Amino acid sequence: MSEKYEDADTIISDLESRMALVTLVRRGEYAAGIAALSGDVMKTALEAGIPYAMAEEMAGDFWKAEMLADTVAGLLHNVETEEGDD
């Protein structure tokens, strides 16, 4: 392979690594936000007189639903990106 293409491969590899890191940071920020909102769900439920176990379950259900939605959205994005590469 010529030196020109090796440099291009290095640049592309570096860009892919940087994009993966940015995506990971964004997902971490999203997860932290969802954790805070889950706490708000639990706090609000408790203030409304919901028993602790049920409030905890409500917050957990919210967490799971939002994190699953984020995971599915990420997977769909990956599939769409891969299809666009064809």
PDB file of N, CA and C in Angstrom:
ATOM      1  N   MET A   1       0.857  -1.173   0.000  1.00  0.00           N
ATOM      2  CA  MET A   1       0.000   0.000   0.000  1.00  0.00           C
ATOM      3  C   MET A   1       0.898   1.228   0.000  1.00  0.00           C
ATOM      4  N   SER A   2       0.477   2.266  -0.696  1.00  0.00           N
ATOM      5  CA  SER A   2       1.303   3.464  -0.760  1.00  0.00           C
ATOM      6  C   SER A   2       1.211   4.237   0.553  1.00  0.00           C
ATOM      7  N   GLU A   3       2.189   5.102   0.747  1.00  0.00           N
ATOM      8  CA  GLU A   3       2.238   5.901   1.973  1.00  0.00           C
ATOM      9  C   GLU A   3       1.008   6.804   2.084  1.00  0.00           C
ATOM     10  N   LYS A   4       0.527   7.286   0.948  1.00  0.00           N
ATOM     11  CA  LYS A   4      -0.647   8.158   0.917  1.00  0.00           C
ATOM     12  C   LYS A   4      -1.858   7.468   1.550  1.00  0.00           C
ATOM     13  N   TYR A   5      -2.079   6.211   1.192  1.00  0.00           N
ATOM     14  CA  TYR A   5      -3.224   5.479   1.723  1.00  0.00           C
ATOM     15  C   TYR A   5      -3.022   5.093   3.180  1.00  0.00           C
ATOM     16  N   GLU A   6      -1.795   4.824   3.566  1.00  0.00           N
ATOM     17  CA  GLU A   6      -1.532   4.512   4.972  1.00  0.00           C
ATOM     18  C   GLU A   6      -1.862   5.719   5.841  1.00  0.00           C
ATOM     19  N   ASP A   7      -1.509   6.914   5.373  1.00  0.00           N
ATOM     20  CA  ASP A   7      -1.845   8.127   6.116  1.00  0.00           C
ATOM     21  C   ASP A   7      -3.355   8.308   6.205  1.00  0.00           C
ATOM     22  N   ALA A   8      -4.055   8.045   5.118  1.00  0.00           N
ATOM     23  CA  ALA A   8      -5.517   8.163   5.117  1.00  0.00           C
ATOM     24  C   ALA A   8      -6.126   7.171   6.102  1.00  0.00           C
ATOM     25  N   ASP A   9      -5.619   5.949   6.118  1.00  0.00           N
ATOM     26  CA  ASP A   9      -6.122   4.945   7.057  1.00  0.00           C
ATOM     27  C   ASP A   9      -5.893   5.379   8.498  1.00  0.00           C
ATOM     28  N   THR A  10      -4.748   5.976   8.757  1.00  0.00           N
ATOM     29  CA  THR A  10      -4.436   6.461  10.102  1.00  0.00           C
ATOM     30  C   THR A  10      -5.389   7.580  10.497  1.00  0.00           C
ATOM     31  N   ILE A  11      -5.639   8.490   9.572  1.00  0.00           N
ATOM     32  CA  ILE A  11      -6.551   9.602   9.848  1.00  0.00           C
ATOM     33  C   ILE A  11      -7.958   9.077  10.116  1.00  0.00           C
ATOM     34  N   ILE A  12      -8.422   8.169   9.287  1.00  0.00           N
ATOM     35  CA  ILE A  12      -9.764   7.601   9.461  1.00  0.00           C
ATOM     36  C   ILE A  12      -9.863   6.858  10.786  1.00  0.00           C
ATOM     37  N   SER A  13      -8.853   6.083  11.109  1.00  0.00           N
ATOM     38  CA  SER A  13      -8.843   5.341  12.371  1.00  0.00           C
ATOM     39  C   SER A  13      -8.889   6.297  13.562  1.00  0.00           C
ATOM     40  N   ASP A  14      -8.125   7.382  13.476  1.00  0.00           N
ATOM     41  CA  ASP A  14      -8.109   8.373  14.549  1.00  0.00           C
ATOM     42  C   ASP A  14      -9.478   9.037  14.689  1.00  0.00           C
ATOM     43  N   LEU A  15     -10.091   9.391  13.564  1.00  0.00           N
ATOM     44  CA  LEU A  15     -11.422  10.002  13.603  1.00  0.00           C
ATOM     45  C   LEU A  15     -12.454   9.052  14.200  1.00  0.00           C
ATOM     46  N   GLU A  16     -12.388   7.785  13.823  1.00  0.00           N
ATOM     47  CA  GLU A  16     -13.319   6.796  14.377  1.00  0.00           C
ATOM     48  C   GLU A  16     -13.158   6.684  15.886  1.00  0.00           C
ATOM     49  N   SER A  17     -11.906   6.681  16.352  1.00  0.00           N
ATOM     50  CA  SER A  17     -11.645   6.597  17.796  1.00  0.00           C
ATOM     51  C   SER A  17     -12.201   7.815  18.522  1.00  0.00           C
ATOM     52  N   ARG A  18     -11.983   8.988  17.944  1.00  0.00           N
ATOM     53  CA  ARG A  18     -12.482  10.220  18.566  1.00  0.00           C
ATOM     54  C   ARG A  18     -14.006  10.242  18.596  1.00  0.00           C
ATOM     55  N   MET A  19     -14.627   9.804  17.507  1.00  0.00           N
ATOM     56  CA  MET A  19     -16.088   9.775  17.454  1.00  0.00           C
ATOM     57  C   MET A  19     -16.650   8.790  18.473  1.00  0.00           C
ATOM     58  N   ALA A  20     -15.992   7.655  18.635  1.00  0.00           N
ATOM     59  CA  ALA A  20     -16.439   6.667  19.621  1.00  0.00           C
ATOM     60  C   ALA A  20     -16.346   7.245  21.030  1.00  0.00           C
ATOM     61  N   LEU A  21     -15.282   7.982  21.298  1.00  0.00           N
ATOM     62  CA  LEU A  21     -15.114   8.594  22.616  1.00  0.00           C
ATOM     63  C   LEU A  21     -16.191   9.646  22.872  1.00  0.00           C
ATOM     64  N   VAL A  22     -16.471  10.464  21.876  1.00  0.00           N
ATOM     65  CA  VAL A  22     -17.524  11.480  22.015  1.00  0.00           C
ATOM     66  C   VAL A  22     -18.868  10.809  22.279  1.00  0.00           C
ATOM     67  N   THR A  23     -19.149   9.741  21.562  1.00  0.00           N
ATOM     68  CA  THR A  23     -20.400   9.008  21.753  1.00  0.00           C
ATOM     69  C   THR A  23     -20.484   8.445  23.167  1.00  0.00           C
ATOM     70  N   LEU A  24     -19.389   7.892  23.655  1.00  0.00           N
ATOM     71  CA  LEU A  24     -19.360   7.338  25.009  1.00  0.00           C
ATOM     72  C   LEU A  24     -19.609   8.424  26.053  1.00  0.00           C
ATOM     73  N   VAL A  25     -18.984   9.575  25.879  1.00  0.00           N
ATOM     74  CA  VAL A  25     -19.182  10.682  26.814  1.00  0.00           C
ATOM     75  C   VAL A  25     -20.640  11.138  26.795  1.00  0.00           C
ATOM     76  N   ARG A  26     -21.215  11.253  25.604  1.00  0.00           N
ATOM     77  CA  ARG A  26     -22.625  11.660  25.500  1.00  0.00           C
ATOM     78  C   ARG A  26     -23.546  10.653  26.176  1.00  0.00           C
ATOM     79  N   ARG A  27     -23.268   9.379  25.985  1.00  0.00           N
ATOM     80  CA  ARG A  27     -24.099   8.350  26.628  1.00  0.00           C
ATOM     81  C   ARG A  27     -23.964   8.422  28.144  1.00  0.00           C
ATOM     82  N   GLY A  28     -22.757   8.707  28.629  1.00  0.00           N
ATOM     83  CA  GLY A  28     -22.551   8.860  30.070  1.00  0.00           C
ATOM     84  C   GLY A  28     -23.328  10.039  30.628  1.00  0.00           C
ATOM     85  N   GLU A  29     -23.304  11.151  29.901  1.00  0.00           N
ATOM     86  CA  GLU A  29     -24.063  12.326  30.323  1.00  0.00           C
ATOM     87  C   GLU A  29     -25.560  12.027  30.317  1.00  0.00           C
ATOM     88  N   TYR A  30     -26.006  11.312  29.309  1.00  0.00           N
ATOM     89  CA  TYR A  30     -27.417  10.931  29.214  1.00  0.00           C
ATOM     90  C   TYR A  30     -27.794  10.042  30.402  1.00  0.00           C
ATOM     91  N   ALA A  31     -26.958   9.061  30.707  1.00  0.00           N
ATOM     92  CA  ALA A  31     -27.232   8.150  31.822  1.00  0.00           C
ATOM     93  C   ALA A  31     -27.287   8.910  33.145  1.00  0.00           C
ATOM     94  N   ALA A  32     -26.385   9.872  33.324  1.00  0.00           N
ATOM     95  CA  ALA A  32     -26.392  10.666  34.555  1.00  0.00           C
ATOM     96  C   ALA A  32     -27.681  11.480  34.663  1.00  0.00           C
ATOM     97  N   GLY A  33     -28.129  12.029  33.547  1.00  0.00           N
ATOM     98  CA  GLY A  33     -29.384  12.778  33.540  1.00  0.00           C
ATOM     99  C   GLY A  33     -30.576  11.896  33.865  1.00  0.00           C
ATOM    100  N   ILE A  34     -30.591  10.707  33.291  1.00  0.00           N
ATOM    101  CA  ILE A  34     -31.682   9.763  33.558  1.00  0.00           C
ATOM    102  C   ILE A  34     -31.656   9.327  35.023  1.00  0.00           C
ATOM    103  N   ALA A  35     -30.464   9.158  35.585  1.00  0.00           N
ATOM    104  CA  ALA A  35     -30.360   8.793  37.003  1.00  0.00           C
ATOM    105  C   ALA A  35     -30.964   9.894  37.878  1.00  0.00           C
ATOM    106  N   ALA A  36     -30.664  11.149  37.542  1.00  0.00           N
ATOM    107  CA  ALA A  36     -31.225  12.269  38.306  1.00  0.00           C
ATOM    108  C   ALA A  36     -32.748  12.301  38.179  1.00  0.00           C
ATOM    109  N   LEU A  37     -33.240  12.090  36.972  1.00  0.00           N
ATOM    110  CA  LEU A  37     -34.694  12.077  36.768  1.00  0.00           C
ATOM    111  C   LEU A  37     -35.352  10.900  37.484  1.00  0.00           C
ATOM    112  N   SER A  38     -34.675   9.768  37.522  1.00  0.00           N
ATOM    113  CA  SER A  38     -35.206   8.612  38.256  1.00  0.00           C
ATOM    114  C   SER A  38     -35.347   8.946  39.736  1.00  0.00           C
ATOM    115  N   GLY A  39     -34.355   9.662  40.262  1.00  0.00           N
ATOM    116  CA  GLY A  39     -34.437  10.114  41.649  1.00  0.00           C
ATOM    117  C   GLY A  39     -35.615  11.049  41.862  1.00  0.00           C
ATOM    118  N   ASP A  40     -35.848  11.926  40.888  1.00  0.00           N
ATOM    119  CA  ASP A  40     -36.998  12.832  40.969  1.00  0.00           C
ATOM    120  C   ASP A  40     -38.316  12.062  40.947  1.00  0.00           C
ATOM    121  N   VAL A  41     -38.377  11.015  40.115  1.00  0.00           N
ATOM    122  CA  VAL A  41     -39.584  10.182  40.060  1.00  0.00           C
ATOM    123  C   VAL A  41     -39.836   9.576  41.438  1.00  0.00           C
ATOM    124  N   MET A  42     -38.791   9.037  42.043  1.00  0.00           N
ATOM    125  CA  MET A  42     -38.949   8.398  43.355  1.00  0.00           C
ATOM    126  C   MET A  42     -39.348   9.427  44.415  1.00  0.00           C
ATOM    127  N   LYS A  43     -38.668  10.569  44.421  1.00  0.00           N
ATOM    128  CA  LYS A  43     -38.961  11.613  45.408  1.00  0.00           C
ATOM    129  C   LYS A  43     -40.404  12.099  45.276  1.00  0.00           C
ATOM    130  N   THR A  44     -40.832  12.354  44.052  1.00  0.00           N
ATOM    131  CA  THR A  44     -42.197  12.832  43.819  1.00  0.00           C
ATOM    132  C   THR A  44     -43.226  11.783  44.236  1.00  0.00           C
ATOM    133  N   ALA A  45     -42.937  10.535  43.925  1.00  0.00           N
ATOM    134  CA  ALA A  45     -43.856   9.456  44.312  1.00  0.00           C
ATOM    135  C   ALA A  45     -43.962   9.362  45.830  1.00  0.00           C
ATOM    136  N   LEU A  46     -42.830   9.448  46.520  1.00  0.00           N
ATOM    137  CA  LEU A  46     -42.849   9.383  47.989  1.00  0.00           C
ATOM    138  C   LEU A  46     -43.620  10.561  48.573  1.00  0.00           C
ATOM    139  N   GLU A  47     -43.401  11.756  48.002  1.00  0.00           N
ATOM    140  CA  GLU A  47     -44.110  12.947  48.482  1.00  0.00           C
ATOM    141  C   GLU A  47     -45.618  12.834  48.255  1.00  0.00           C
ATOM    142  N   ALA A  48     -46.003  12.058  47.249  1.00  0.00           N
ATOM    143  CA  ALA A  48     -47.427  11.859  46.954  1.00  0.00           C
ATOM    144  C   ALA A  48     -48.039  10.756  47.812  1.00  0.00           C
ATOM    145  N   GLY A  49     -47.216  10.151  48.680  1.00  0.00           N
ATOM    146  CA  GLY A  49     -47.723   9.125  49.579  1.00  0.00           C
ATOM    147  C   GLY A  49     -47.627   7.705  49.050  1.00  0.00           C
ATOM    148  N   ILE A  50     -46.922   7.523  47.952  1.00  0.00           N
ATOM    149  CA  ILE A  50     -46.729   6.178  47.400  1.00  0.00           C
ATOM    150  C   ILE A  50     -45.786   5.422  48.339  1.00  0.00           C
ATOM    151  N   PRO A  51     -46.076   4.175  48.670  1.00  0.00           N
ATOM    152  CA  PRO A  51     -45.171   3.395  49.521  1.00  0.00           C
ATOM    153  C   PRO A  51     -43.765   3.299  48.898  1.00  0.00           C
ATOM    154  N   TYR A  52     -42.762   3.224  49.776  1.00  0.00           N
ATOM    155  CA  TYR A  52     -41.369   3.241  49.332  1.00  0.00           C
ATOM    156  C   TYR A  52     -41.081   2.182  48.270  1.00  0.00           C
ATOM    157  N   ALA A  53     -41.500   0.951  48.499  1.00  0.00           N
ATOM    158  CA  ALA A  53     -41.190  -0.134  47.554  1.00  0.00           C
ATOM    159  C   ALA A  53     -41.775   0.154  46.171  1.00  0.00           C
ATOM    160  N   MET A  54     -42.991   0.699  46.149  1.00  0.00           N
ATOM    161  CA  MET A  54     -43.617   1.006  44.863  1.00  0.00           C
ATOM    162  C   MET A  54     -42.915   2.195  44.191  1.00  0.00           C
ATOM    163  N   ALA A  55     -42.554   3.210  44.977  1.00  0.00           N
ATOM    164  CA  ALA A  55     -41.842   4.370  44.428  1.00  0.00           C
ATOM    165  C   ALA A  55     -40.498   3.943  43.849  1.00  0.00           C
ATOM    166  N   GLU A  56     -39.833   3.043  44.558  1.00  0.00           N
ATOM    167  CA  GLU A  56     -38.549   2.527  44.077  1.00  0.00           C
ATOM    168  C   GLU A  56     -38.737   1.771  42.759  1.00  0.00           C
ATOM    169  N   GLU A  57     -39.790   0.988  42.682  1.00  0.00           N
ATOM    170  CA  GLU A  57     -40.075   0.242  41.456  1.00  0.00           C
ATOM    171  C   GLU A  57     -40.411   1.192  40.300  1.00  0.00           C
ATOM    172  N   MET A  58     -41.162   2.236  40.598  1.00  0.00           N
ATOM    173  CA  MET A  58     -41.505   3.225  39.564  1.00  0.00           C
ATOM    174  C   MET A  58     -40.241   3.886  39.017  1.00  0.00           C
ATOM    175  N   ALA A  59     -39.345   4.275  39.913  1.00  0.00           N
ATOM    176  CA  ALA A  59     -38.096   4.907  39.490  1.00  0.00           C
ATOM    177  C   ALA A  59     -37.250   3.931  38.675  1.00  0.00           C
ATOM    178  N   GLY A  60     -37.216   2.679  39.112  1.00  0.00           N
ATOM    179  CA  GLY A  60     -36.464   1.657  38.375  1.00  0.00           C
ATOM    180  C   GLY A  60     -37.046   1.397  36.999  1.00  0.00           C
ATOM    181  N   ASP A  61     -38.369   1.376  36.922  1.00  0.00           N
ATOM    182  CA  ASP A  61     -39.026   1.181  35.625  1.00  0.00           C
ATOM    183  C   ASP A  61     -38.714   2.335  34.679  1.00  0.00           C
ATOM    184  N   PHE A  62     -38.728   3.559  35.220  1.00  0.00           N
ATOM    185  CA  PHE A  62     -38.395   4.729  34.404  1.00  0.00           C
ATOM    186  C   PHE A  62     -36.964   4.612  33.886  1.00  0.00           C
ATOM    187  N   TRP A  63     -36.039   4.276  34.785  1.00  0.00           N
ATOM    188  CA  TRP A  63     -34.628   4.114  34.419  1.00  0.00           C
ATOM    189  C   TRP A  63     -34.473   3.088  33.296  1.00  0.00           C
ATOM    190  N   LYS A  64     -35.072   1.922  33.494  1.00  0.00           N
ATOM    191  CA  LYS A  64     -34.942   0.848  32.504  1.00  0.00           C
ATOM    192  C   LYS A  64     -35.521   1.252  31.154  1.00  0.00           C
ATOM    193  N   ALA A  65     -36.695   1.863  31.176  1.00  0.00           N
ATOM    194  CA  ALA A  65     -37.344   2.255  29.920  1.00  0.00           C
ATOM    195  C   ALA A  65     -36.503   3.275  29.162  1.00  0.00           C
ATOM    196  N   GLU A  66     -35.976   4.265  29.869  1.00  0.00           N
ATOM    197  CA  GLU A  66     -35.182   5.300  29.208  1.00  0.00           C
ATOM    198  C   GLU A  66     -33.842   4.760  28.714  1.00  0.00           C
ATOM    199  N   MET A  67     -33.205   3.923  29.517  1.00  0.00           N
ATOM    200  CA  MET A  67     -31.912   3.380  29.100  1.00  0.00           C
ATOM    201  C   MET A  67     -32.093   2.397  27.951  1.00  0.00           C
ATOM    202  N   LEU A  68     -33.182   1.644  27.953  1.00  0.00           N
ATOM    203  CA  LEU A  68     -33.463   0.742  26.839  1.00  0.00           C
ATOM    204  C   LEU A  68     -33.716   1.553  25.573  1.00  0.00           C
ATOM    205  N   ALA A  69     -34.474   2.639  25.703  1.00  0.00           N
ATOM    206  CA  ALA A  69     -34.749   3.490  24.543  1.00  0.00           C
ATOM    207  C   ALA A  69     -33.447   4.048  23.981  1.00  0.00           C
ATOM    208  N   ASP A  70     -32.526   4.465  24.861  1.00  0.00           N
ATOM    209  CA  ASP A  70     -31.234   4.989  24.412  1.00  0.00           C
ATOM    210  C   ASP A  70     -30.427   3.907  23.716  1.00  0.00           C
ATOM    211  N   THR A  71     -30.437   2.702  24.271  1.00  0.00           N
ATOM    212  CA  THR A  71     -29.692   1.591  23.676  1.00  0.00           C
ATOM    213  C   THR A  71     -30.246   1.243  22.305  1.00  0.00           C
ATOM    214  N   VAL A  72     -31.562   1.163  22.205  1.00  0.00           N
ATOM    215  CA  VAL A  72     -32.193   0.840  20.920  1.00  0.00           C
ATOM    216  C   VAL A  72     -31.902   1.937  19.904  1.00  0.00           C
ATOM    217  N   ALA A  73     -31.989   3.194  20.323  1.00  0.00           N
ATOM    218  CA  ALA A  73     -31.697   4.302  19.408  1.00  0.00           C
ATOM    219  C   ALA A  73     -30.255   4.221  18.912  1.00  0.00           C
ATOM    220  N   GLY A  74     -29.328   3.886  19.812  1.00  0.00           N
ATOM    221  CA  GLY A  74     -27.930   3.735  19.415  1.00  0.00           C
ATOM    222  C   GLY A  74     -27.736   2.601  18.432  1.00  0.00           C
ATOM    223  N   LEU A  75     -28.405   1.491  18.671  1.00  0.00           N
ATOM    224  CA  LEU A  75     -28.301   0.351  17.761  1.00  0.00           C
ATOM    225  C   LEU A  75     -28.878   0.689  16.392  1.00  0.00           C
ATOM    226  N   LEU A  76     -30.025   1.360  16.383  1.00  0.00           N
ATOM    227  CA  LEU A  76     -30.631   1.755  15.107  1.00  0.00           C
ATOM    228  C   LEU A  76     -29.727   2.717  14.347  1.00  0.00           C
ATOM    229  N   HIS A  77     -29.107   3.638  15.074  1.00  0.00           N
ATOM    230  CA  HIS A  77     -28.181   4.574  14.433  1.00  0.00           C
ATOM    231  C   HIS A  77     -27.016   3.823  13.806  1.00  0.00           C
ATOM    232  N   ASN A  78     -26.483   2.841  14.533  1.00  0.00           N
ATOM    233  CA  ASN A  78     -25.370   2.048  14.003  1.00  0.00           C
ATOM    234  C   ASN A  78     -25.776   1.299  12.747  1.00  0.00           C
ATOM    235  N   VAL A  79     -26.968   0.724  12.745  1.00  0.00           N
ATOM    236  CA  VAL A  79     -27.448  -0.013  11.571  1.00  0.00           C
ATOM    237  C   VAL A  79     -27.619   0.938  10.395  1.00  0.00           C
ATOM    238  N   GLU A  80     -28.221   2.104  10.641  1.00  0.00           N
ATOM    239  CA  GLU A  80     -28.418   3.080   9.571  1.00  0.00           C
ATOM    240  C   GLU A  80     -27.081   3.561   9.023  1.00  0.00           C
ATOM    241  N   THR A  81     -26.109   3.766   9.897  1.00  0.00           N
ATOM    242  CA  THR A  81     -24.786   4.206   9.469  1.00  0.00           C
ATOM    243  C   THR A  81     -24.116   3.137   8.622  1.00  0.00           C
ATOM    244  N   GLU A  82     -24.216   1.882   9.057  1.00  0.00           N
ATOM    245  CA  GLU A  82     -23.610   0.786   8.297  1.00  0.00           C
ATOM    246  C   GLU A  82     -24.277   0.623   6.941  1.00  0.00           C
ATOM    247  N   GLU A  83     -25.605   0.797   6.881  1.00  0.00           N
ATOM    248  CA  GLU A  83     -26.312   0.684   5.608  1.00  0.00           C
ATOM    249  C   GLU A  83     -25.907   1.809   4.674  1.00  0.00           C
ATOM    250  N   GLY A  84     -25.632   2.986   5.234  1.00  0.00           N
ATOM    251  CA  GLY A  84     -25.208   4.121   4.425  1.00  0.00           C
ATOM    252  C   GLY A  84     -23.823   3.944   3.843  1.00  0.00           C
ATOM    253  N   ASP A  85     -23.014   3.076   4.459  1.00  0.00           N
ATOM    254  CA  ASP A  85     -21.654   2.825   3.985  1.00  0.00           C
ATOM    255  C   ASP A  85     -21.621   1.921   2.774  1.00  0.00           C
ATOM    256  N   ASP A  86     -22.715   1.191   2.519  1.00  0.00           N
ATOM    257  CA  ASP A  86     -22.744   0.232   1.405  1.00  0.00           C
ATOM    258  C   ASP A  86     -22.731   0.898   0.061  1.00  0.00           C
TER     259      ASP A  86
END
